[in-house]
């Protein structure tokens, strides 16, 4: 058996021993957005530490647990805190939670993150609907022998972020009068923030926002046939675009400011899924 698949199944068996819940939608909450899970109708929780072999987040503000429950009667599983490649985990461990939530039954993956704005038309506190991504700068979780139990050897990537879900999010944002940008997300490795030259590179490549997560998760989910959507909270303009130095505190403060709009939008969208 493929060692990555074997580890995934051990995690899945560990979850099944503790949780009897089948989600339809999986949400990953980015920096500063984790409190959203506290407001849903919670059925159960499971700390990452209690899952055999599961990678554990080490980032401040990431609680490190699964929350199972309902958003407007839709069964969901929410990750309060994700793991990142820069924490020293292999890329296979970074996407293990996504694969695990698919095995739990989730058909839709709703990704969120805090990201730096590369587009000069963006401002701190904007919400950006992800329409496409660039994941070239981090290792692909599909490198190596293909796990045929999960998906095809050469998955199509022409519609990673589902068109129908993007339309739903845009229509919902318009109805709620929530301003919504749209753009391409680039994942770099981190943990250092990007240099001014790297920010210029991202913009030349067609990026609108840059961060240290999300794209590899979307790649793994797409491989498994999930429908995917994503929203970035633009926490700051990236390095070199302003005179302001970057800090994780700034990221969390921006996410806190936009949290009420974010919560309202996510709740309404998930309720329509």
C-alpha atoms as a PDB file:
ATOM      1  CA  UNK A   1       0.000   0.000   0.000  1.00  0.00           C
ATOM      2  CA  UNK A   2       1.202   3.533  -0.782  1.00  0.00           C
ATOM      3  CA  UNK A   3       2.623   4.899   2.532  1.00  0.00           C
ATOM      4  CA  UNK A   4       0.803   8.229   2.152  1.00  0.00           C
ATOM      5  CA  UNK A   5      -2.491   6.433   1.537  1.00  0.00           C
ATOM      6  CA  UNK A   6      -1.829   4.086   4.447  1.00  0.00           C
ATOM      7  CA  UNK A   7      -1.261   7.062   6.771  1.00  0.00           C
ATOM      8  CA  UNK A   8      -4.422   8.744   5.464  1.00  0.00           C
ATOM      9  CA  UNK A   9      -6.502   5.648   6.148  1.00  0.00           C
ATOM     10  CA  UNK A  10      -5.090   5.349   9.684  1.00  0.00           C
ATOM     11  CA  UNK A  11      -6.220   8.926  10.333  1.00  0.00           C
ATOM     12  CA  UNK A  12      -9.620   8.151   8.840  1.00  0.00           C
ATOM     13  CA  UNK A  13     -10.032   5.042  11.000  1.00  0.00           C
ATOM     14  CA  UNK A  14      -9.030   7.110  14.055  1.00  0.00           C
ATOM     15  CA  UNK A  15     -11.698   9.715  13.249  1.00  0.00           C
ATOM     16  CA  UNK A  16     -14.402   7.080  12.651  1.00  0.00           C
ATOM     17  CA  UNK A  17     -13.739   5.632  16.108  1.00  0.00           C
ATOM     18  CA  UNK A  18     -14.522   9.002  17.685  1.00  0.00           C
ATOM     19  CA  UNK A  19     -16.959  10.843  15.376  1.00  0.00           C
ATOM     20  CA  UNK A  20     -20.175   9.693  13.699  1.00  0.00           C
ATOM     21  CA  UNK A  21     -20.914  12.617  11.387  1.00  0.00           C
ATOM     22  CA  UNK A  22     -21.083  12.950   7.587  1.00  0.00           C
ATOM     23  CA  UNK A  23     -20.397  16.500   6.354  1.00  0.00           C
ATOM     24  CA  UNK A  24     -21.467  17.807   2.961  1.00  0.00           C
ATOM     25  CA  UNK A  25     -19.224  20.892   3.014  1.00  0.00           C
ATOM     26  CA  UNK A  26     -15.671  21.244   4.351  1.00  0.00           C
ATOM     27  CA  UNK A  27     -14.361  24.668   5.389  1.00  0.00           C
ATOM     28  CA  UNK A  28     -10.769  25.636   6.151  1.00  0.00           C
ATOM     29  CA  UNK A  29     -10.529  28.825   8.184  1.00  0.00           C
ATOM     30  CA  UNK A  30      -7.457  31.010   7.676  1.00  0.00           C
ATOM     31  CA  UNK A  31      -5.587  33.312  10.044  1.00  0.00           C
ATOM     32  CA  UNK A  32      -7.934  35.451  12.119  1.00  0.00           C
ATOM     33  CA  UNK A  33     -11.065  33.773  10.735  1.00  0.00           C
ATOM     34  CA  UNK A  34     -11.203  30.758  13.054  1.00  0.00           C
ATOM     35  CA  UNK A  35     -13.869  32.235  15.318  1.00  0.00           C
ATOM     36  CA  UNK A  36     -16.467  31.585  12.612  1.00  0.00           C
ATOM     37  CA  UNK A  37     -16.721  27.998  13.807  1.00  0.00           C
ATOM     38  CA  UNK A  38     -17.825  29.123  17.263  1.00  0.00           C
ATOM     39  CA  UNK A  39     -21.053  30.567  15.852  1.00  0.00           C
ATOM     40  CA  UNK A  40     -22.413  27.504  14.067  1.00  0.00           C
ATOM     41  CA  UNK A  41     -24.666  24.812  15.518  1.00  0.00           C
ATOM     42  CA  UNK A  42     -21.908  22.542  16.854  1.00  0.00           C
ATOM     43  CA  UNK A  43     -22.523  18.797  16.980  1.00  0.00           C
ATOM     44  CA  UNK A  44     -19.035  17.663  17.970  1.00  0.00           C
ATOM     45  CA  UNK A  45     -15.360  18.641  17.977  1.00  0.00           C
ATOM     46  CA  UNK A  46     -12.135  16.708  17.571  1.00  0.00           C
ATOM     47  CA  UNK A  47      -8.672  18.022  18.407  1.00  0.00           C
ATOM     48  CA  UNK A  48      -5.957  17.258  15.871  1.00  0.00           C
ATOM     49  CA  UNK A  49      -3.855  15.814  18.706  1.00  0.00           C
ATOM     50  CA  UNK A  50      -6.455  13.071  19.145  1.00  0.00           C
ATOM     51  CA  UNK A  51      -6.124  11.778  15.569  1.00  0.00           C
ATOM     52  CA  UNK A  52      -3.382   9.202  15.150  1.00  0.00           C
ATOM     53  CA  UNK A  53      -0.616  10.526  12.883  1.00  0.00           C
ATOM     54  CA  UNK A  54      -2.384  13.809  12.103  1.00  0.00           C
ATOM     55  CA  UNK A  55      -0.201  16.914  11.517  1.00  0.00           C
ATOM     56  CA  UNK A  56      -0.762  19.634  14.137  1.00  0.00           C
ATOM     57  CA  UNK A  57      -0.757  23.376  13.453  1.00  0.00           C
ATOM     58  CA  UNK A  58       1.895  25.386  15.297  1.00  0.00           C
ATOM     59  CA  UNK A  59       0.733  28.891  14.280  1.00  0.00           C
ATOM     60  CA  UNK A  60      -0.607  31.407  16.865  1.00  0.00           C
ATOM     61  CA  UNK A  61      -4.352  31.954  16.429  1.00  0.00           C
ATOM     62  CA  UNK A  62      -4.930  28.494  14.910  1.00  0.00           C
ATOM     63  CA  UNK A  63      -6.854  26.368  17.439  1.00  0.00           C
ATOM     64  CA  UNK A  64      -6.041  23.046  15.849  1.00  0.00           C
ATOM     65  CA  UNK A  65      -9.307  21.119  15.800  1.00  0.00           C
ATOM     66  CA  UNK A  66     -12.159  19.919  13.601  1.00  0.00           C
ATOM     67  CA  UNK A  67     -15.601  21.333  14.362  1.00  0.00           C
ATOM     68  CA  UNK A  68     -18.582  19.305  13.149  1.00  0.00           C
ATOM     69  CA  UNK A  69     -22.004  20.894  12.927  1.00  0.00           C
ATOM     70  CA  UNK A  70     -24.589  22.701  10.837  1.00  0.00           C
ATOM     71  CA  UNK A  71     -24.715  25.972   8.938  1.00  0.00           C
ATOM     72  CA  UNK A  72     -28.368  26.600   8.064  1.00  0.00           C
ATOM     73  CA  UNK A  73     -29.081  22.855   8.206  1.00  0.00           C
ATOM     74  CA  UNK A  74     -26.112  22.035   5.948  1.00  0.00           C
ATOM     75  CA  UNK A  75     -23.782  19.506   7.638  1.00  0.00           C
ATOM     76  CA  UNK A  76     -20.234  20.866   7.690  1.00  0.00           C
ATOM     77  CA  UNK A  77     -16.783  20.047   8.978  1.00  0.00           C
ATOM     78  CA  UNK A  78     -14.625  23.063   9.767  1.00  0.00           C
ATOM     79  CA  UNK A  79     -10.865  23.170  10.246  1.00  0.00           C
ATOM     80  CA  UNK A  80      -9.961  25.687  12.924  1.00  0.00           C
ATOM     81  CA  UNK A  81      -6.350  26.045  11.888  1.00  0.00           C
ATOM     82  CA  UNK A  82      -4.488  24.481   8.985  1.00  0.00           C
ATOM     83  CA  UNK A  83      -0.943  23.178   8.650  1.00  0.00           C
ATOM     84  CA  UNK A  84       1.533  24.858   6.327  1.00  0.00           C
ATOM     85  CA  UNK A  85       4.504  23.690   4.289  1.00  0.00           C
ATOM     86  CA  UNK A  86       6.736  26.240   6.051  1.00  0.00           C
ATOM     87  CA  UNK A  87       6.094  24.560   9.425  1.00  0.00           C
ATOM     88  CA  UNK A  88       8.358  21.754   8.236  1.00  0.00           C
ATOM     89  CA  UNK A  89       5.668  19.277   7.248  1.00  0.00           C
ATOM     90  CA  UNK A  90       5.860  17.406   3.955  1.00  0.00           C
ATOM     91  CA  UNK A  91       3.443  18.576   1.290  1.00  0.00           C
ATOM     92  CA  UNK A  92       1.643  15.235   1.722  1.00  0.00           C
ATOM     93  CA  UNK A  93       0.990  16.057   5.383  1.00  0.00           C
ATOM     94  CA  UNK A  94      -0.142  19.581   4.468  1.00  0.00           C
ATOM     95  CA  UNK A  95      -2.943  18.234   2.236  1.00  0.00           C
ATOM     96  CA  UNK A  96      -3.778  15.219   4.413  1.00  0.00           C
ATOM     97  CA  UNK A  97      -6.607  17.112   6.196  1.00  0.00           C
ATOM     98  CA  UNK A  98      -8.292  17.918   2.872  1.00  0.00           C
ATOM     99  CA  UNK A  99      -8.120  14.312   1.778  1.00  0.00           C
ATOM    100  CA  UNK A 100      -9.418  13.215   5.166  1.00  0.00           C
ATOM    101  CA  UNK A 101     -12.441  15.526   4.966  1.00  0.00           C
ATOM    102  CA  UNK A 102     -13.237  14.121   1.522  1.00  0.00           C
ATOM    103  CA  UNK A 103     -13.185  10.601   2.976  1.00  0.00           C
ATOM    104  CA  UNK A 104     -15.523  11.818   5.732  1.00  0.00           C
ATOM    105  CA  UNK A 105     -18.038  12.597   2.990  1.00  0.00           C
ATOM    106  CA  UNK A 106     -17.479  16.265   2.123  1.00  0.00           C
ATOM    107  CA  UNK A 107     -18.257  17.029  -1.523  1.00  0.00           C
ATOM    108  CA  UNK A 108     -17.436  20.754  -1.445  1.00  0.00           C
ATOM    109  CA  UNK A 109     -14.270  22.438  -0.139  1.00  0.00           C
ATOM    110  CA  UNK A 110     -14.579  26.094   0.923  1.00  0.00           C
ATOM    111  CA  UNK A 111     -11.088  27.553   1.359  1.00  0.00           C
ATOM    112  CA  UNK A 112     -10.315  30.803   3.173  1.00  0.00           C
ATOM    113  CA  UNK A 113      -7.068  32.562   3.963  1.00  0.00           C
ATOM    114  CA  UNK A 114      -5.454  35.852   4.863  1.00  0.00           C
ATOM    115  CA  UNK A 115      -3.348  37.072   1.939  1.00  0.00           C
ATOM    116  CA  UNK A 116      -1.238  39.989   0.814  1.00  0.00           C
ATOM    117  CA  UNK A 117      -2.698  42.127  -1.946  1.00  0.00           C
ATOM    118  CA  UNK A 118      -0.520  42.263  -5.057  1.00  0.00           C
ATOM    119  CA  UNK A 119      -3.078  44.172  -7.144  1.00  0.00           C
ATOM    120  CA  UNK A 120      -2.841  47.942  -6.600  1.00  0.00           C
ATOM    121  CA  UNK A 121      -6.647  48.187  -6.827  1.00  0.00           C
ATOM    122  CA  UNK A 122      -6.985  46.137  -3.638  1.00  0.00           C
ATOM    123  CA  UNK A 123      -7.046  47.506  -0.098  1.00  0.00           C
ATOM    124  CA  UNK A 124      -6.495  45.983   3.340  1.00  0.00           C
ATOM    125  CA  UNK A 125      -9.788  44.483   4.503  1.00  0.00           C
ATOM    126  CA  UNK A 126     -11.054  43.559   1.015  1.00  0.00           C
ATOM    127  CA  UNK A 127     -12.506  40.123   0.358  1.00  0.00           C
ATOM    128  CA  UNK A 128     -11.259  38.456  -2.841  1.00  0.00           C
ATOM    129  CA  UNK A 129     -13.072  35.608  -4.539  1.00  0.00           C
ATOM    130  CA  UNK A 130     -10.427  33.220  -5.877  1.00  0.00           C
ATOM    131  CA  UNK A 131     -11.009  32.514  -9.566  1.00  0.00           C
ATOM    132  CA  UNK A 132      -7.718  30.739 -10.312  1.00  0.00           C
ATOM    133  CA  UNK A 133      -4.390  29.944  -8.733  1.00  0.00           C
ATOM    134  CA  UNK A 134      -0.657  29.500  -9.285  1.00  0.00           C
ATOM    135  CA  UNK A 135       0.847  26.672  -7.236  1.00  0.00           C
ATOM    136  CA  UNK A 136       4.104  26.278  -9.172  1.00  0.00           C
ATOM    137  CA  UNK A 137       6.284  27.542  -6.315  1.00  0.00           C
ATOM    138  CA  UNK A 138       5.403  24.755  -3.871  1.00  0.00           C
ATOM    139  CA  UNK A 139       5.821  20.992  -4.423  1.00  0.00           C
ATOM    140  CA  UNK A 140       2.812  19.250  -5.918  1.00  0.00           C
ATOM    141  CA  UNK A 141       1.144  16.763  -3.537  1.00  0.00           C
ATOM    142  CA  UNK A 142       0.573  14.566  -6.593  1.00  0.00           C
ATOM    143  CA  UNK A 143       4.273  13.943  -7.250  1.00  0.00           C
ATOM    144  CA  UNK A 144       5.223  10.287  -6.902  1.00  0.00           C
ATOM    145  CA  UNK A 145       3.224   7.136  -7.492  1.00  0.00           C
ATOM    146  CA  UNK A 146      -0.416   8.047  -8.059  1.00  0.00           C
ATOM    147  CA  UNK A 147      -2.913   6.919  -5.430  1.00  0.00           C
ATOM    148  CA  UNK A 148      -5.571   5.560  -7.766  1.00  0.00           C
ATOM    149  CA  UNK A 149      -8.000   5.259  -4.837  1.00  0.00           C
ATOM    150  CA  UNK A 150      -8.035   9.068  -4.630  1.00  0.00           C
ATOM    151  CA  UNK A 151      -8.004  10.257  -8.222  1.00  0.00           C
ATOM    152  CA  UNK A 152      -6.492  10.079 -11.723  1.00  0.00           C
ATOM    153  CA  UNK A 153      -2.793  10.282 -12.569  1.00  0.00           C
ATOM    154  CA  UNK A 154      -3.246  13.483 -14.624  1.00  0.00           C
ATOM    155  CA  UNK A 155      -6.168  15.531 -13.234  1.00  0.00           C
ATOM    156  CA  UNK A 156      -7.610  18.379 -15.278  1.00  0.00           C
ATOM    157  CA  UNK A 157      -7.044  21.824 -13.727  1.00  0.00           C
ATOM    158  CA  UNK A 158      -9.082  23.999 -16.103  1.00  0.00           C
ATOM    159  CA  UNK A 159     -11.831  24.726 -13.566  1.00  0.00           C
ATOM    160  CA  UNK A 160     -10.252  24.338 -10.121  1.00  0.00           C
ATOM    161  CA  UNK A 161     -12.580  26.908  -8.548  1.00  0.00           C
ATOM    162  CA  UNK A 162     -16.052  25.794  -9.569  1.00  0.00           C
ATOM    163  CA  UNK A 163     -17.853  28.288 -11.832  1.00  0.00           C
ATOM    164  CA  UNK A 164     -21.264  27.649 -10.278  1.00  0.00           C
ATOM    165  CA  UNK A 165     -19.938  28.175  -6.767  1.00  0.00           C
ATOM    166  CA  UNK A 166     -18.177  31.369  -7.841  1.00  0.00           C
ATOM    167  CA  UNK A 167     -21.431  32.639  -9.325  1.00  0.00           C
ATOM    168  CA  UNK A 168     -23.253  31.754  -6.110  1.00  0.00           C
ATOM    169  CA  UNK A 169     -20.722  33.674  -4.019  1.00  0.00           C
ATOM    170  CA  UNK A 170     -20.851  36.733  -6.295  1.00  0.00           C
ATOM    171  CA  UNK A 171     -24.656  36.759  -6.365  1.00  0.00           C
ATOM    172  CA  UNK A 172     -24.806  36.375  -2.580  1.00  0.00           C
ATOM    173  CA  UNK A 173     -22.280  39.165  -2.024  1.00  0.00           C
ATOM    174  CA  UNK A 174     -24.296  41.466  -4.290  1.00  0.00           C
ATOM    175  CA  UNK A 175     -27.508  40.642  -2.442  1.00  0.00           C
ATOM    176  CA  UNK A 176     -25.877  41.322   0.930  1.00  0.00           C
ATOM    177  CA  UNK A 177     -24.166  44.462  -0.440  1.00  0.00           C
ATOM    178  CA  UNK A 178     -20.758  43.087   0.509  1.00  0.00           C
ATOM    179  CA  UNK A 179     -17.938  44.401  -1.720  1.00  0.00           C
ATOM    180  CA  UNK A 180     -16.087  41.527  -3.349  1.00  0.00           C
ATOM    181  CA  UNK A 181     -12.917  41.589  -5.421  1.00  0.00           C
ATOM    182  CA  UNK A 182     -12.002  38.695  -7.711  1.00  0.00           C
ATOM    183  CA  UNK A 183      -8.570  37.461  -8.683  1.00  0.00           C
ATOM    184  CA  UNK A 184      -5.818  34.874  -8.896  1.00  0.00           C
ATOM    185  CA  UNK A 185      -4.099  33.551  -5.780  1.00  0.00           C
ATOM    186  CA  UNK A 186      -0.394  32.628  -5.730  1.00  0.00           C
ATOM    187  CA  UNK A 187       1.038  30.336  -3.076  1.00  0.00           C
ATOM    188  CA  UNK A 188       4.693  30.767  -2.097  1.00  0.00           C
ATOM    189  CA  UNK A 189       6.429  28.707   0.558  1.00  0.00           C
ATOM    190  CA  UNK A 190       6.906  31.300   3.324  1.00  0.00           C
ATOM    191  CA  UNK A 191       7.451  31.755   6.193  1.00  0.00           C
ATOM    192  CA  UNK A 192       9.203  35.023   5.301  1.00  0.00           C
ATOM    193  CA  UNK A 193       6.967  37.618   3.734  1.00  0.00           C
ATOM    194  CA  UNK A 194       7.723  38.285   0.086  1.00  0.00           C
ATOM    195  CA  UNK A 195      10.427  40.732  -0.972  1.00  0.00           C
ATOM    196  CA  UNK A 196       9.454  43.719  -3.153  1.00  0.00           C
ATOM    197  CA  UNK A 197      11.009  41.958  -6.170  1.00  0.00           C
ATOM    198  CA  UNK A 198       9.001  38.790  -5.474  1.00  0.00           C
ATOM    199  CA  UNK A 199       5.836  40.859  -5.219  1.00  0.00           C
ATOM    200  CA  UNK A 200       6.584  42.415  -8.606  1.00  0.00           C
ATOM    201  CA  UNK A 201       7.126  38.891  -9.973  1.00  0.00           C
ATOM    202  CA  UNK A 202       3.735  37.765  -8.654  1.00  0.00           C
ATOM    203  CA  UNK A 203       2.043  40.731 -10.298  1.00  0.00           C
ATOM    204  CA  UNK A 204       3.813  40.107 -13.629  1.00  0.00           C
ATOM    205  CA  UNK A 205       2.672  36.468 -13.519  1.00  0.00           C
ATOM    206  CA  UNK A 206      -0.939  37.587 -13.141  1.00  0.00           C
ATOM    207  CA  UNK A 207      -1.366  37.239  -9.397  1.00  0.00           C
ATOM    208  CA  UNK A 208      -3.724  39.436  -7.401  1.00  0.00           C
ATOM    209  CA  UNK A 209      -3.043  38.020  -3.927  1.00  0.00           C
ATOM    210  CA  UNK A 210      -0.182  36.053  -2.436  1.00  0.00           C
ATOM    211  CA  UNK A 211      -0.038  33.748   0.562  1.00  0.00           C
ATOM    212  CA  UNK A 212       1.437  30.602   2.077  1.00  0.00           C
ATOM    213  CA  UNK A 213      -1.438  28.097   1.844  1.00  0.00           C
ATOM    214  CA  UNK A 214      -4.576  27.149  -0.101  1.00  0.00           C
ATOM    215  CA  UNK A 215      -3.344  26.356  -3.618  1.00  0.00           C
ATOM    216  CA  UNK A 216      -1.854  22.965  -2.698  1.00  0.00           C
ATOM    217  CA  UNK A 217      -5.052  22.131  -0.782  1.00  0.00           C
ATOM    218  CA  UNK A 218      -7.166  23.006  -3.816  1.00  0.00           C
ATOM    219  CA  UNK A 219      -4.929  20.850  -5.994  1.00  0.00           C
ATOM    220  CA  UNK A 220      -5.395  17.822  -3.737  1.00  0.00           C
ATOM    221  CA  UNK A 221      -9.150  18.397  -3.493  1.00  0.00           C
ATOM    222  CA  UNK A 222      -9.480  18.764  -7.258  1.00  0.00           C
ATOM    223  CA  UNK A 223      -7.620  15.467  -7.665  1.00  0.00           C
ATOM    224  CA  UNK A 224     -10.281  13.806  -5.496  1.00  0.00           C
ATOM    225  CA  UNK A 225     -13.172  15.313  -7.460  1.00  0.00           C
ATOM    226  CA  UNK A 226     -14.333  17.897  -4.908  1.00  0.00           C
ATOM    227  CA  UNK A 227     -16.028  21.127  -5.907  1.00  0.00           C
ATOM    228  CA  UNK A 228     -13.900  24.018  -4.666  1.00  0.00           C
ATOM    229  CA  UNK A 229     -14.414  27.678  -3.868  1.00  0.00           C
ATOM    230  CA  UNK A 230     -12.229  30.133  -2.009  1.00  0.00           C
ATOM    231  CA  UNK A 231     -12.123  33.604  -0.481  1.00  0.00           C
ATOM    232  CA  UNK A 232      -9.024  35.541   0.545  1.00  0.00           C
ATOM    233  CA  UNK A 233      -9.102  38.249   3.178  1.00  0.00           C
ATOM    234  CA  UNK A 234      -6.669  40.885   1.902  1.00  0.00           C
ATOM    235  CA  UNK A 235      -4.901  41.664   5.142  1.00  0.00           C
ATOM    236  CA  UNK A 236      -2.382  44.118   3.723  1.00  0.00           C
ATOM    237  CA  UNK A 237      -0.795  45.331   0.510  1.00  0.00           C
ATOM    238  CA  UNK A 238       2.292  43.226  -0.120  1.00  0.00           C
ATOM    239  CA  UNK A 239       5.869  44.283   0.553  1.00  0.00           C
ATOM    240  CA  UNK A 240       7.122  47.272  -1.425  1.00  0.00           C
ATOM    241  CA  UNK A 241       3.636  48.557  -2.271  1.00  0.00           C
ATOM    242  CA  UNK A 242       3.466  50.715   0.874  1.00  0.00           C
ATOM    243  CA  UNK A 243       5.949  51.947   3.477  1.00  0.00           C
ATOM    244  CA  UNK A 244       4.277  49.791   6.142  1.00  0.00           C
ATOM    245  CA  UNK A 245       6.371  46.847   7.454  1.00  0.00           C
ATOM    246  CA  UNK A 246       4.532  43.502   7.491  1.00  0.00           C
ATOM    247  CA  UNK A 247       3.652  41.506  10.611  1.00  0.00           C
ATOM    248  CA  UNK A 248       1.429  38.591  11.604  1.00  0.00           C
ATOM    249  CA  UNK A 249      -0.344  40.935  14.052  1.00  0.00           C
ATOM    250  CA  UNK A 250      -1.403  43.108  11.112  1.00  0.00           C
ATOM    251  CA  UNK A 251      -2.801  40.041   9.350  1.00  0.00           C
ATOM    252  CA  UNK A 252      -4.926  39.094  12.363  1.00  0.00           C
ATOM    253  CA  UNK A 253      -6.145  42.676  12.922  1.00  0.00           C
ATOM    254  CA  UNK A 254      -7.298  42.985   9.288  1.00  0.00           C
ATOM    255  CA  UNK A 255      -9.103  39.648   9.515  1.00  0.00           C
ATOM    256  CA  UNK A 256     -10.826  40.805  12.713  1.00  0.00           C
ATOM    257  CA  UNK A 257     -12.111  43.943  10.966  1.00  0.00           C
ATOM    258  CA  UNK A 258     -13.594  42.024   8.052  1.00  0.00           C
ATOM    259  CA  UNK A 259     -14.877  39.104  10.155  1.00  0.00           C
ATOM    260  CA  UNK A 260     -18.534  40.240  10.400  1.00  0.00           C
ATOM    261  CA  UNK A 261     -18.861  40.551   6.607  1.00  0.00           C
ATOM    262  CA  UNK A 262     -16.993  37.313   6.094  1.00  0.00           C
ATOM    263  CA  UNK A 263     -19.208  35.387   8.523  1.00  0.00           C
ATOM    264  CA  UNK A 264     -22.401  36.699   6.936  1.00  0.00           C
ATOM    265  CA  UNK A 265     -21.227  35.861   3.413  1.00  0.00           C
ATOM    266  CA  UNK A 266     -20.001  32.355   4.265  1.00  0.00           C
ATOM    267  CA  UNK A 267     -23.186  31.514   6.179  1.00  0.00           C
ATOM    268  CA  UNK A 268     -25.452  32.570   3.327  1.00  0.00           C
ATOM    269  CA  UNK A 269     -23.360  30.822   0.682  1.00  0.00           C
ATOM    270  CA  UNK A 270     -23.079  27.526   2.575  1.00  0.00           C
ATOM    271  CA  UNK A 271     -26.796  27.644   3.255  1.00  0.00           C
ATOM    272  CA  UNK A 272     -27.397  27.610  -0.516  1.00  0.00           C
ATOM    273  CA  UNK A 273     -25.037  24.719  -1.246  1.00  0.00           C
END
